[in-house]
Structures are given as C-alpha cells and as structure tokens.
Amino acid sequence: MKLLKPTLDNIKPLDKDAVEMAWKHIDNLTKPIGSLGMLEEIGARFAGITGKLHNKVKKKNIVIMAADNGVVEEGVSCAPKFITKVVTENFTRGITGVCVLAKQAGADLTIVDIGVDDDFNNPKILNKKIAYGTKNIAKEAAMSYEDAIRAVEVGIEVVDKLVMDGVDLLGTGEMGIGNTTTSAAVLCALSGLSPDIVVGKGAGLTDEQHKNKINVVKKALEINKPNRNDPIDVISKVGGFDIAGLTGCFLAAAKNRVPIVIDGFISSAAALCAVRLNPLVRDYIFPSHLSAEPGAVYMMKELGLEPMINLKMRLGEGSGCPLAFMIIEAALAIVNEMGTFEEANIVNDFLIDIREK
C-alpha cells in the first residue's frame, strides 16, 4: 500500500476555473455553439485536467500490460496460451496492429511483462512480473489480495516514470489470452449484471464454447464471491494482472493530472476498478472506441462515459488509443487555432443571429 494509498489520496478534481474559461472561449469561436460536439467537450475537459486553456501534446505513450490467465484451462479462448508471449514479443518488432497505428499517431509504446507465463530476454520489455500468470478463477481466486495491490502499484510506478520523462498523453493496452473472460467477470462483480448479457465470444468462439465461457464466469463469481464494494478484492478474485496493472495506470494518470485513454473491453474493466477506487479518476479518462464485445456498452454505462468512435473493433492491444490521440489533438487544435467572432470581424447582428440558431 506504500504507493496505492498516497496515489488515491492525491487525486484532485478538475480545475473548474479552467473548464469555465475553456467553455467561454470555445463558445466564442466562429461556429454555432455546440456544433463541434465531442471535440468541444474534449477541449474543455483537457483544460480542466491541465489547468490551462491552450494545450499541445508533446509526448504520447501507450502502456501495454501483458499477462496470462489461469482460466484458459476452461476452454474460454480459441487461442492457445503461448500466443500471449508471441504477441508480446511482436510488440517490440513493430508489426502488430497497435504498433502500426501508434506510428501513425506519433506515439510510443511501453511494454510491461506483469504476469506472462514465460520469461523474456528482451530489453524492450519491462520485467515487472508478479507471477507466471494467475490461477484459474473457475476453481480459486486469481491471486492474493497482496499481489493485486502489488500489480496495481506496478501500473502506478510505470506511469509515474513516464510522466517524469515528459509524457503528457497516455493510452492503455493489454495482451493476455483469456482476458475477456476475466474482464467480464470483473464487470459482473462490480455491477451486478448477469454474465448472460456481458460475456462475449472474444476471439471467435463457437456458440457452444460461448455458452461454456458464460458458465465459467458464473462459476467464478459463485466460488470466489468478490466484494463489489472493494475493487481490489474483485481484481484479486476474478481479475488478472493486466487489469490490475492498468488500474494503477489510470490512478497514476489522475494523480499526475495527465489525460489517459481507454482502449477497449479489458482496459475498460481496469478503468472501472480505478473509478470505483476513487470517483475523481473518471474526469481524467477518455474512452477511444466502442468495443464490439457485448459487455462494452455496459462498461461505458457503469463509467458514465461515451466513446469517441465506433469502428466495430475488438483487437485490443491498445489499438484504439492512437485513433483517440489524433481526435484529442484535433480538439486541442480547435481551441488553439480557430478564430473567435471578434477576430473574424463578424458583425454583432450576425453573431446574435447565428447564436440564436
């Protein structure tokens, strides 16, 4: 708890004066009020995070937490467990989906082994391993309560270091076969929703395999009885090291007053845990896209947030974050570069007319 408690204690609300100043400026730009929709909301909230009207992103980074999940023993994924290691290695080769999209957005990747069931000999992968994967949640708790805290604190450590290195916009990604199962279990535990409506097919399960996956989540909840009022308990009993690490990333971003982007279903589970630990975290989070996983809609409802786009993506890895980065930077450009009515020399009568519309 040496990092977790002080992090939770040092998360502060948005700068309300900066938000008000931003909205006043945005409403005076040469456009009908509200006509740029979510771009305006992003610009105003960004100002509240930094305390400044004019912002420009200098350094973007997507943190990818990689970990294995013991629940794969239950046949919840059509991909074998070793794929976790293979894809984690491939992140360092620049050939995965998130790598290509991050390059387009000018973003870097931080790849963290927080619980892969194998070892790496790769200097591009941070070794923060808590254990060689979690235990099977259909039989017992995924990890101890203490290990859950340790994993959350890994995320805090990673983000604290990135912020010290000048990163001012963060993204969240993951790699771990079986983690749509653990994410669905976390959502059910925190929300009370039934696995029947939130558990999806993940990476291409058959109908029969999907039914098995739903039953596995139900069994995990029944056996472990996670306490919905304690997100750490939920993570430890039915979550994963990747979810725990990303939870720490969201907490640390809020503590450091740095905006952070949700990718998809798995990072949404971590965001939900972080918000339940401290509701102020919500204001620092920007969801990128609406994952094609059926539980994604419910994640957003629980968070009270709205994704920027819906491209029917379900890759994971953090692949939605670079797209969100570009949208966020577009929103900041509107605030920074678009002219006001006064600067555009638009007469008062026309100004009144267009605002009435």
Protein backbone atom coordinates (compact mmCIF):
# COMPACT_ATOMS: atom_id res chain seq x y z
CA MET A 1 0.00 0.00 0.00
CA LYS A 2 3.04 2.29 0.00
CA LEU A 3 2.08 3.64 -3.43
CA LEU A 4 -1.64 2.90 -3.69
CA LYS A 5 -2.91 4.88 -0.71
CA PRO A 6 -0.94 8.09 -1.36
CA THR A 7 -1.92 7.89 -5.02
CA LEU A 8 -5.60 7.65 -4.13
CA ASP A 9 -5.24 10.47 -1.59
CA ASN A 10 -3.56 12.81 -4.08
CA ILE A 11 -6.13 12.67 -6.88
CA LYS A 12 -7.79 16.07 -7.14
CA PRO A 13 -10.85 17.36 -9.06
CA LEU A 14 -10.62 19.12 -12.39
CA ASP A 15 -9.73 22.81 -12.35
CA LYS A 16 -13.23 24.28 -12.57
CA ASP A 17 -11.98 27.77 -13.42
CA ALA A 18 -10.01 26.38 -16.36
CA VAL A 19 -13.04 24.42 -17.59
CA GLU A 20 -15.22 27.53 -17.39
CA MET A 21 -12.59 29.60 -19.18
CA ALA A 22 -12.32 26.96 -21.90
CA TRP A 23 -16.08 26.81 -22.49
CA LYS A 24 -16.28 30.59 -22.68
CA HIS A 25 -13.53 30.57 -25.30
CA ILE A 26 -15.00 27.63 -27.25
CA ASP A 27 -18.47 29.19 -27.32
CA ASN A 28 -16.95 32.35 -28.80
CA LEU A 29 -15.28 30.57 -31.72
CA THR A 30 -16.59 31.15 -35.24
CA LYS A 31 -19.24 28.41 -35.26
CA PRO A 32 -22.69 27.75 -33.86
CA ILE A 33 -22.49 26.85 -30.18
CA GLY A 34 -22.04 23.12 -29.71
CA SER A 35 -21.58 22.44 -33.41
CA LEU A 36 -18.30 20.58 -32.93
CA GLY A 37 -19.88 18.23 -30.40
CA MET A 38 -17.47 15.98 -28.54
CA LEU A 39 -14.45 17.90 -29.83
CA GLU A 40 -15.61 20.83 -27.72
CA GLU A 41 -16.14 18.62 -24.69
CA ILE A 42 -12.66 17.12 -25.08
CA GLY A 43 -11.06 20.56 -25.35
CA ALA A 44 -12.83 21.85 -22.25
CA ARG A 45 -12.07 18.78 -20.14
CA PHE A 46 -8.45 18.78 -21.24
CA ALA A 47 -8.20 22.34 -19.94
CA GLY A 48 -9.65 21.20 -16.62
CA ILE A 49 -7.01 18.48 -16.38
CA THR A 50 -4.03 20.71 -17.09
CA GLY A 51 -5.36 23.98 -15.68
CA LYS A 52 -4.53 25.74 -18.99
CA LEU A 53 -6.74 26.95 -21.84
CA HIS A 54 -4.18 26.29 -24.56
CA ASN A 55 -2.64 22.83 -24.62
CA LYS A 56 -0.43 20.93 -27.02
CA VAL A 57 0.56 17.29 -26.65
CA LYS A 58 4.29 16.79 -26.80
CA LYS A 59 4.76 13.13 -25.94
CA LYS A 60 2.28 10.24 -26.24
CA ASN A 61 2.72 6.75 -24.86
CA ILE A 62 0.58 3.60 -24.74
CA VAL A 63 1.24 1.29 -21.80
CA ILE A 64 0.65 -2.36 -22.68
CA MET A 65 0.29 -4.78 -19.76
CA ALA A 66 0.92 -8.41 -20.70
CA ALA A 67 -0.14 -11.32 -18.51
CA ASP A 68 -1.50 -14.85 -18.70
CA ASN A 69 -4.72 -16.07 -17.12
CA GLY A 70 -5.19 -19.47 -15.48
CA VAL A 71 -8.82 -19.58 -16.61
CA VAL A 72 -7.70 -20.58 -20.13
CA GLU A 73 -7.71 -24.11 -18.73
CA GLU A 74 -11.51 -23.94 -19.00
CA GLY A 75 -11.53 -23.59 -22.80
CA VAL A 76 -12.68 -19.95 -22.79
CA SER A 77 -10.44 -18.97 -25.70
CA CYS A 78 -9.82 -20.45 -29.12
CA ALA A 79 -6.22 -19.24 -28.97
CA PRO A 80 -3.56 -21.21 -27.06
CA LYS A 81 -1.89 -19.60 -24.06
CA PHE A 82 1.55 -19.29 -25.70
CA ILE A 83 0.14 -16.61 -28.01
CA THR A 84 0.43 -14.17 -25.10
CA LYS A 85 4.22 -14.45 -25.21
CA VAL A 86 4.41 -14.41 -29.01
CA VAL A 87 2.35 -11.23 -29.39
CA THR A 88 4.15 -9.53 -26.51
CA GLU A 89 7.44 -10.16 -28.32
CA ASN A 90 5.91 -8.89 -31.56
CA PHE A 91 5.08 -5.56 -29.94
CA THR A 92 8.83 -4.95 -29.82
CA ARG A 93 9.13 -5.73 -33.54
CA GLY A 94 6.65 -3.04 -34.55
CA ILE A 95 4.44 -5.41 -36.56
CA THR A 96 1.19 -5.65 -34.57
CA GLY A 97 -1.95 -3.57 -35.06
CA VAL A 98 -1.23 -1.18 -32.22
CA CYS A 99 2.34 -0.70 -33.43
CA VAL A 100 1.22 0.40 -36.89
CA LEU A 101 -1.47 2.73 -35.56
CA ALA A 102 0.81 4.17 -32.87
CA LYS A 103 3.37 5.01 -35.54
CA GLN A 104 0.71 6.88 -37.49
CA ALA A 105 -0.18 8.88 -34.38
CA GLY A 106 3.43 9.53 -33.38
CA ALA A 107 3.04 7.58 -30.13
CA ASP A 108 5.49 5.34 -28.29
CA LEU A 109 4.78 2.02 -26.59
CA THR A 110 5.76 0.83 -23.13
CA ILE A 111 5.52 -2.96 -22.96
CA VAL A 112 5.27 -4.48 -19.49
CA ASP A 113 5.51 -8.15 -18.54
CA ILE A 114 3.39 -8.11 -15.41
CA GLY A 115 2.47 -11.80 -15.43
CA VAL A 116 3.29 -13.72 -18.61
CA ASP A 117 3.74 -17.45 -18.05
CA ASP A 118 7.22 -17.44 -19.53
CA ASP A 119 10.40 -15.40 -19.47
CA PHE A 120 11.67 -12.81 -21.93
CA ASN A 121 15.20 -11.91 -22.87
CA ASN A 122 14.25 -8.62 -24.46
CA PRO A 123 15.39 -5.21 -23.23
CA LYS A 124 12.32 -3.61 -24.85
CA ILE A 125 10.02 -5.42 -22.40
CA LEU A 126 9.90 -4.17 -18.81
CA ASN A 127 10.10 -7.07 -16.37
CA LYS A 128 7.56 -6.30 -13.64
CA LYS A 129 6.33 -9.88 -13.30
CA ILE A 130 4.21 -10.57 -10.23
CA ALA A 131 3.84 -14.28 -11.04
CA TYR A 132 3.76 -16.62 -14.02
CA GLY A 133 0.11 -15.99 -14.75
CA THR A 134 -2.91 -16.07 -12.47
CA LYS A 135 -4.70 -19.08 -11.05
CA ASN A 136 -7.88 -20.49 -12.58
CA ILE A 137 -10.75 -18.31 -11.36
CA ALA A 138 -13.22 -21.13 -12.00
CA LYS A 139 -11.51 -23.02 -9.17
CA GLU A 140 -9.99 -20.38 -6.86
CA ALA A 141 -9.01 -16.74 -6.56
CA ALA A 142 -6.88 -15.39 -9.40
CA MET A 143 -4.28 -14.01 -6.99
CA SER A 144 -3.82 -12.95 -3.40
CA TYR A 145 -5.08 -9.58 -2.21
CA GLU A 146 -1.46 -8.54 -1.63
CA ASP A 147 -0.45 -9.48 -5.18
CA ALA A 148 -3.39 -7.50 -6.54
CA ILE A 149 -2.09 -4.41 -4.74
CA ARG A 150 1.44 -5.11 -5.97
CA ALA A 151 0.16 -5.32 -9.55
CA VAL A 152 -1.80 -2.07 -9.22
CA GLU A 153 1.34 -0.41 -7.89
CA VAL A 154 3.30 -1.62 -10.92
CA GLY A 155 0.97 0.45 -13.06
CA ILE A 156 1.43 3.44 -10.77
CA GLU A 157 5.22 3.09 -10.96
CA VAL A 158 5.23 2.83 -14.75
CA VAL A 159 3.04 5.89 -15.28
CA ASP A 160 4.87 7.97 -12.66
CA LYS A 161 8.12 7.29 -14.56
CA LEU A 162 6.59 8.12 -17.94
CA VAL A 163 5.21 11.42 -16.63
CA MET A 164 8.63 12.27 -15.20
CA ASP A 165 10.02 11.60 -18.69
CA GLY A 166 7.62 14.15 -20.21
CA VAL A 167 4.71 12.03 -21.40
CA ASP A 168 1.58 14.20 -21.38
CA LEU A 169 -0.98 11.90 -23.04
CA LEU A 170 -1.34 8.23 -22.10
CA GLY A 171 -3.06 5.20 -23.59
CA THR A 172 -3.80 1.76 -22.19
CA GLY A 173 -3.36 -1.61 -23.85
CA GLU A 174 -3.02 -5.27 -22.89
CA MET A 175 -2.15 -8.72 -24.07
CA GLY A 176 -3.32 -11.89 -22.39
CA ILE A 177 -5.20 -14.89 -23.73
CA GLY A 178 -8.37 -15.30 -21.69
CA ASN A 179 -8.65 -11.71 -20.54
CA THR A 180 -12.08 -11.03 -22.00
CA THR A 181 -13.27 -13.68 -19.54
CA THR A 182 -11.65 -12.01 -16.54
CA SER A 183 -12.85 -8.58 -17.70
CA ALA A 184 -16.42 -9.82 -17.99
CA ALA A 185 -16.15 -11.32 -14.51
CA VAL A 186 -14.88 -8.00 -13.12
CA LEU A 187 -17.75 -6.13 -14.77
CA CYS A 188 -20.32 -8.58 -13.40
CA ALA A 189 -18.80 -8.39 -9.92
CA LEU A 190 -18.79 -4.59 -9.81
CA SER A 191 -22.15 -4.02 -11.50
CA GLY A 192 -24.30 -6.99 -10.53
CA LEU A 193 -25.04 -7.64 -14.21
CA SER A 194 -25.54 -11.20 -15.40
CA PRO A 195 -22.80 -12.97 -17.38
CA ASP A 196 -25.53 -13.92 -19.85
CA ILE A 197 -25.56 -10.37 -21.23
CA VAL A 198 -21.96 -9.22 -20.84
CA VAL A 199 -19.87 -12.26 -21.83
CA GLY A 200 -18.91 -12.22 -25.49
CA LYS A 201 -17.27 -14.63 -27.92
CA GLY A 202 -13.89 -12.95 -27.66
CA ALA A 203 -11.58 -14.08 -30.44
CA GLY A 204 -14.09 -16.19 -32.35
CA LEU A 205 -15.63 -18.83 -30.09
CA THR A 206 -18.35 -21.14 -31.37
CA ASP A 207 -21.85 -20.94 -29.85
CA GLU A 208 -21.10 -23.98 -27.70
CA GLN A 209 -17.79 -22.51 -26.50
CA HIS A 210 -19.54 -19.24 -25.78
CA LYS A 211 -22.05 -20.99 -23.51
CA ASN A 212 -19.16 -22.63 -21.69
CA LYS A 213 -17.48 -19.23 -21.24
CA ILE A 214 -20.66 -17.76 -19.72
CA ASN A 215 -20.88 -20.70 -17.32
CA VAL A 216 -17.21 -20.31 -16.38
CA VAL A 217 -17.79 -16.68 -15.40
CA LYS A 218 -20.86 -17.67 -13.40
CA LYS A 219 -18.86 -20.36 -11.63
CA ALA A 220 -16.00 -17.96 -10.89
CA LEU A 221 -18.39 -15.49 -9.28
CA GLU A 222 -20.13 -18.17 -7.26
CA ILE A 223 -16.92 -19.75 -5.97
CA ASN A 224 -14.96 -16.58 -5.20
CA LYS A 225 -17.78 -14.26 -4.08
CA PRO A 226 -15.96 -10.99 -4.88
CA ASN A 227 -16.90 -7.98 -2.79
CA ARG A 228 -18.34 -5.39 -5.20
CA ASN A 229 -17.56 -2.62 -2.70
CA ASP A 230 -13.83 -3.43 -2.81
CA PRO A 231 -12.33 -3.27 -6.33
CA ILE A 232 -9.04 -4.75 -5.12
CA ASP A 233 -10.94 -7.77 -3.80
CA VAL A 234 -12.70 -8.07 -7.17
CA ILE A 235 -9.40 -7.94 -9.07
CA SER A 236 -7.77 -10.46 -6.76
CA LYS A 237 -10.61 -12.95 -7.02
CA VAL A 238 -11.74 -12.80 -10.65
CA GLY A 239 -9.40 -10.37 -12.43
CA GLY A 240 -5.93 -10.55 -13.93
CA PHE A 241 -2.51 -8.98 -13.51
CA ASP A 242 -3.06 -6.97 -16.71
CA ILE A 243 -6.30 -5.48 -15.37
CA ALA A 244 -4.62 -4.70 -12.05
CA GLY A 245 -1.64 -3.02 -13.70
CA LEU A 246 -3.86 -0.90 -15.93
CA THR A 247 -5.94 0.09 -12.90
CA GLY A 248 -2.75 1.56 -11.47
CA CYS A 249 -2.11 3.39 -14.74
CA PHE A 250 -5.48 5.15 -14.55
CA LEU A 251 -4.93 6.08 -10.90
CA ALA A 252 -1.45 7.46 -11.53
CA ALA A 253 -2.57 9.43 -14.58
CA ALA A 254 -5.23 11.16 -12.50
CA LYS A 255 -2.79 11.82 -9.66
CA ASN A 256 -0.33 13.38 -12.12
CA ARG A 257 -3.10 15.33 -13.91
CA VAL A 258 -2.38 13.66 -17.25
CA PRO A 259 -5.20 12.56 -19.58
CA ILE A 260 -5.42 8.82 -20.24
CA VAL A 261 -7.28 6.91 -22.95
CA ILE A 262 -9.22 3.64 -22.64
CA ASP A 263 -8.73 1.19 -25.49
CA GLY A 264 -11.44 -1.47 -25.34
CA PHE A 265 -13.15 -4.00 -23.11
CA ILE A 266 -10.20 -5.08 -20.97
CA SER A 267 -8.83 -1.61 -20.28
CA SER A 268 -12.42 -0.50 -19.57
CA ALA A 269 -12.53 -3.09 -16.78
CA ALA A 270 -9.39 -1.53 -15.31
CA ALA A 271 -10.83 1.96 -15.70
CA LEU A 272 -13.97 0.87 -13.87
CA CYS A 273 -11.88 -0.52 -11.00
CA ALA A 274 -9.93 2.75 -10.82
CA VAL A 275 -13.08 4.88 -10.80
CA ARG A 276 -14.59 2.73 -8.07
CA LEU A 277 -11.42 3.22 -6.01
CA ASN A 278 -11.64 6.99 -6.49
CA PRO A 279 -14.54 8.54 -8.49
CA LEU A 280 -12.43 11.61 -9.37
CA VAL A 281 -10.42 9.43 -11.77
CA ARG A 282 -13.33 9.45 -14.21
CA ASP A 283 -12.66 13.04 -15.28
CA TYR A 284 -9.16 12.15 -16.49
CA ILE A 285 -10.30 9.30 -18.73
CA PHE A 286 -11.17 9.46 -22.44
CA PRO A 287 -12.68 6.29 -23.99
CA SER A 288 -11.45 5.75 -27.54
CA HIS A 289 -13.89 3.40 -29.28
CA LEU A 290 -16.84 1.18 -28.51
CA SER A 291 -15.51 -2.36 -28.48
CA ALA A 292 -17.52 -4.99 -30.34
CA GLU A 293 -17.62 -7.07 -27.15
CA PRO A 294 -21.25 -7.09 -25.90
CA GLY A 295 -20.17 -6.05 -22.41
CA ALA A 296 -18.53 -2.87 -23.72
CA VAL A 297 -21.80 -0.92 -23.74
CA TYR A 298 -22.36 -1.82 -20.11
CA MET A 299 -18.80 -0.83 -19.21
CA MET A 300 -19.43 2.64 -20.61
CA LYS A 301 -22.74 2.92 -18.75
CA GLU A 302 -21.05 1.98 -15.49
CA LEU A 303 -18.31 4.54 -16.15
CA GLY A 304 -20.74 7.23 -17.31
CA LEU A 305 -18.56 7.91 -20.36
CA GLU A 306 -19.10 7.90 -24.11
CA PRO A 307 -16.60 6.53 -26.66
CA MET A 308 -15.41 8.86 -29.41
CA ILE A 309 -15.89 6.40 -32.28
CA ASN A 310 -17.40 3.04 -33.17
CA LEU A 311 -15.44 1.12 -35.80
CA LYS A 312 -16.56 -2.33 -34.63
CA MET A 313 -13.01 -3.02 -33.43
CA ARG A 314 -12.15 -5.77 -30.95
CA LEU A 315 -8.41 -6.27 -31.39
CA GLY A 316 -7.29 -4.96 -28.03
CA GLU A 317 -3.55 -4.28 -27.60
CA GLY A 318 -4.31 -0.57 -27.13
CA SER A 319 -5.20 -0.25 -30.82
CA GLY A 320 -8.00 2.26 -30.22
CA CYS A 321 -5.72 4.69 -28.39
CA PRO A 322 -3.77 6.09 -31.37
CA LEU A 323 -7.06 6.93 -33.11
CA ALA A 324 -8.24 8.73 -29.97
CA PHE A 325 -4.91 10.55 -29.71
CA MET A 326 -5.48 12.05 -33.15
CA ILE A 327 -9.01 13.12 -32.26
CA ILE A 328 -7.83 14.67 -28.99
CA GLU A 329 -5.11 16.60 -30.79
CA ALA A 330 -7.70 17.81 -33.30
CA ALA A 331 -9.81 19.07 -30.40
CA LEU A 332 -6.84 20.93 -28.95
CA ALA A 333 -6.11 22.46 -32.37
CA ILE A 334 -9.67 23.82 -32.48
CA VAL A 335 -9.14 25.55 -29.14
CA ASN A 336 -5.70 26.83 -30.08
CA GLU A 337 -6.12 27.87 -33.70
CA MET A 338 -9.75 28.57 -34.54
CA GLY A 339 -10.66 32.24 -34.59
CA THR A 340 -13.18 33.96 -32.36
CA PHE A 341 -16.07 36.02 -33.73
CA GLU A 342 -14.19 39.18 -32.84
CA GLU A 343 -11.05 38.03 -34.64
CA ALA A 344 -13.10 37.09 -37.70
CA ASN A 345 -14.68 40.57 -37.79
CA ILE A 346 -18.18 39.15 -37.82
CA VAL A 347 -20.71 41.89 -37.11
CA ASN A 348 -22.72 41.82 -33.92
CA ASP A 349 -26.08 41.41 -35.65
CA PHE A 350 -24.91 38.27 -37.46
CA LEU A 351 -23.31 36.98 -34.27
CA ILE A 352 -26.61 37.28 -32.42
CA ASP A 353 -28.50 35.63 -35.30
CA ILE A 354 -26.19 32.61 -35.61
CA ARG A 355 -26.13 32.03 -31.86
CA GLU A 356 -29.91 32.00 -31.73
CA LYS A 357 -29.89 29.19 -34.25
